[in-house]
Amino acid sequence: MPEIARFYGIIIKLFFGDHPPPHFHAVYGEHNAIFNIETLDMIEGDLPERARKLVVEWAAFYQFDLDQMWKTQEFKKLPPLQ
């Protein structure tokens, strides 16, 4: 699964052959979560609340890029949350 971004110990990944709805994965230590690209809701997982908020804050900046990557299946690295 290609790594899209990394910040504050959180790794964002996207797998192009994955199941709908369009989503990305967030990994924080032993915690994993899946986020819907369209709504930015955590649809599965167990991220701590602070990490979840950081992921949603980051994804709000790059929601269009994530959606385009999902649709075109063209990987690109995105900047971290600053």
C-alpha atoms as a PDB file:
ATOM      1  CA  MET A   1       0.000   0.000   0.000  1.00  0.00           C
ATOM      2  CA  PRO A   2       1.719   3.243  -1.098  1.00  0.00           C
ATOM      3  CA  GLU A   3       2.475   5.810   1.583  1.00  0.00           C
ATOM      4  CA  ILE A   4       0.854   9.161   0.732  1.00  0.00           C
ATOM      5  CA  ALA A   5       2.007  11.221   3.738  1.00  0.00           C
ATOM      6  CA  ARG A   6       3.542  10.974   7.188  1.00  0.00           C
ATOM      7  CA  PHE A   7       3.143  13.409  10.092  1.00  0.00           C
ATOM      8  CA  TYR A   8       3.186  13.289  13.901  1.00  0.00           C
ATOM      9  CA  GLY A   9       3.751   9.521  13.795  1.00  0.00           C
ATOM     10  CA  ILE A  10       0.696   8.987  11.560  1.00  0.00           C
ATOM     11  CA  ILE A  11       1.128   7.260   8.204  1.00  0.00           C
ATOM     12  CA  ILE A  12      -1.468   7.820   5.459  1.00  0.00           C
ATOM     13  CA  LYS A  13      -1.770   5.107   2.820  1.00  0.00           C
ATOM     14  CA  LEU A  14      -3.924   4.512  -0.234  1.00  0.00           C
ATOM     15  CA  PHE A  15      -4.476   1.214  -2.023  1.00  0.00           C
ATOM     16  CA  PHE A  16      -5.839   1.569  -5.538  1.00  0.00           C
ATOM     17  CA  GLY A  17      -7.358  -1.886  -5.893  1.00  0.00           C
ATOM     18  CA  ASP A  18      -9.299  -1.565  -2.651  1.00  0.00           C
ATOM     19  CA  HIS A  19     -13.054  -1.851  -2.124  1.00  0.00           C
ATOM     20  CA  PRO A  20     -15.548   1.064  -2.300  1.00  0.00           C
ATOM     21  CA  PRO A  21     -16.323   3.575  -0.930  1.00  0.00           C
ATOM     22  CA  PRO A  22     -13.255   5.655  -1.856  1.00  0.00           C
ATOM     23  CA  HIS A  23     -11.098   5.712   1.272  1.00  0.00           C
ATOM     24  CA  PHE A  24      -7.614   5.959   2.703  1.00  0.00           C
ATOM     25  CA  HIS A  25      -5.903   4.234   5.596  1.00  0.00           C
ATOM     26  CA  ALA A  26      -4.288   5.887   8.611  1.00  0.00           C
ATOM     27  CA  VAL A  27      -1.810   4.019  10.810  1.00  0.00           C
ATOM     28  CA  TYR A  28      -0.676   5.336  14.178  1.00  0.00           C
ATOM     29  CA  GLY A  29       1.496   2.863  16.090  1.00  0.00           C
ATOM     30  CA  GLU A  30      -0.635  -0.230  16.616  1.00  0.00           C
ATOM     31  CA  HIS A  31      -3.828   1.674  15.714  1.00  0.00           C
ATOM     32  CA  ASN A  32      -5.404   1.542  12.252  1.00  0.00           C
ATOM     33  CA  ALA A  33      -8.342   3.313  10.686  1.00  0.00           C
ATOM     34  CA  ILE A  34     -10.101   3.771   7.365  1.00  0.00           C
ATOM     35  CA  PHE A  35     -11.485   7.187   6.378  1.00  0.00           C
ATOM     36  CA  ASN A  36     -14.083   7.909   3.706  1.00  0.00           C
ATOM     37  CA  ILE A  37     -12.571  10.403   1.241  1.00  0.00           C
ATOM     38  CA  GLU A  38     -15.896  12.090   0.479  1.00  0.00           C
ATOM     39  CA  THR A  39     -17.101  12.623   4.054  1.00  0.00           C
ATOM     40  CA  LEU A  40     -13.800  12.306   5.986  1.00  0.00           C
ATOM     41  CA  ASP A  41     -15.645  10.100   8.473  1.00  0.00           C
ATOM     42  CA  MET A  42     -13.711   7.291  10.133  1.00  0.00           C
ATOM     43  CA  ILE A  43     -15.597   4.288   8.788  1.00  0.00           C
ATOM     44  CA  GLU A  44     -13.547   1.633  10.550  1.00  0.00           C
ATOM     45  CA  GLY A  45     -10.766   1.480  13.094  1.00  0.00           C
ATOM     46  CA  ASP A  46      -9.475   2.438  16.489  1.00  0.00           C
ATOM     47  CA  LEU A  47      -7.428   5.641  16.248  1.00  0.00           C
ATOM     48  CA  PRO A  48      -7.138   7.679  19.435  1.00  0.00           C
ATOM     49  CA  GLU A  49      -9.283  10.830  19.308  1.00  0.00           C
ATOM     50  CA  ARG A  50      -6.335  13.238  18.956  1.00  0.00           C
ATOM     51  CA  ALA A  51      -4.854  11.250  16.045  1.00  0.00           C
ATOM     52  CA  ARG A  52      -8.296  11.054  14.395  1.00  0.00           C
ATOM     53  CA  LYS A  53      -8.649  14.837  14.560  1.00  0.00           C
ATOM     54  CA  LEU A  54      -5.181  15.345  13.054  1.00  0.00           C
ATOM     55  CA  VAL A  55      -6.003  12.967  10.188  1.00  0.00           C
ATOM     56  CA  VAL A  56      -9.278  14.755   9.450  1.00  0.00           C
ATOM     57  CA  GLU A  57      -7.545  18.155   9.610  1.00  0.00           C
ATOM     58  CA  TRP A  58      -4.884  16.950   7.144  1.00  0.00           C
ATOM     59  CA  ALA A  59      -7.430  15.260   4.842  1.00  0.00           C
ATOM     60  CA  ALA A  60      -9.547  18.421   4.644  1.00  0.00           C
ATOM     61  CA  PHE A  61      -6.573  20.161   2.983  1.00  0.00           C
ATOM     62  CA  TYR A  62      -5.993  17.335   0.496  1.00  0.00           C
ATOM     63  CA  GLN A  63      -9.474  15.911  -0.030  1.00  0.00           C
ATOM     64  CA  PHE A  64      -9.513  16.831  -3.733  1.00  0.00           C
ATOM     65  CA  ASP A  65      -6.062  15.266  -4.251  1.00  0.00           C
ATOM     66  CA  LEU A  66      -7.084  12.076  -2.450  1.00  0.00           C
ATOM     67  CA  ASP A  67     -10.229  11.832  -4.555  1.00  0.00           C
ATOM     68  CA  GLN A  68      -8.247  12.341  -7.768  1.00  0.00           C
ATOM     69  CA  MET A  69      -5.719   9.681  -6.755  1.00  0.00           C
ATOM     70  CA  TRP A  70      -8.544   7.239  -6.050  1.00  0.00           C
ATOM     71  CA  LYS A  71     -10.209   7.960  -9.413  1.00  0.00           C
ATOM     72  CA  THR A  72      -7.093   8.046 -11.609  1.00  0.00           C
ATOM     73  CA  GLN A  73      -5.034   5.517  -9.655  1.00  0.00           C
ATOM     74  CA  GLU A  74      -2.029   7.818 -10.014  1.00  0.00           C
ATOM     75  CA  PHE A  75       0.054   7.885  -6.854  1.00  0.00           C
ATOM     76  CA  LYS A  76       1.666  11.065  -5.534  1.00  0.00           C
ATOM     77  CA  LYS A  77       3.098  12.087  -2.171  1.00  0.00           C
ATOM     78  CA  LEU A  78       1.226  14.811  -0.313  1.00  0.00           C
ATOM     79  CA  PRO A  79       2.734  17.263   2.196  1.00  0.00           C
ATOM     80  CA  PRO A  80       2.428  16.515   5.902  1.00  0.00           C
ATOM     81  CA  LEU A  81       0.253  18.429   8.332  1.00  0.00           C
ATOM     82  CA  GLN A  82       2.175  21.403   9.693  1.00  0.00           C
END
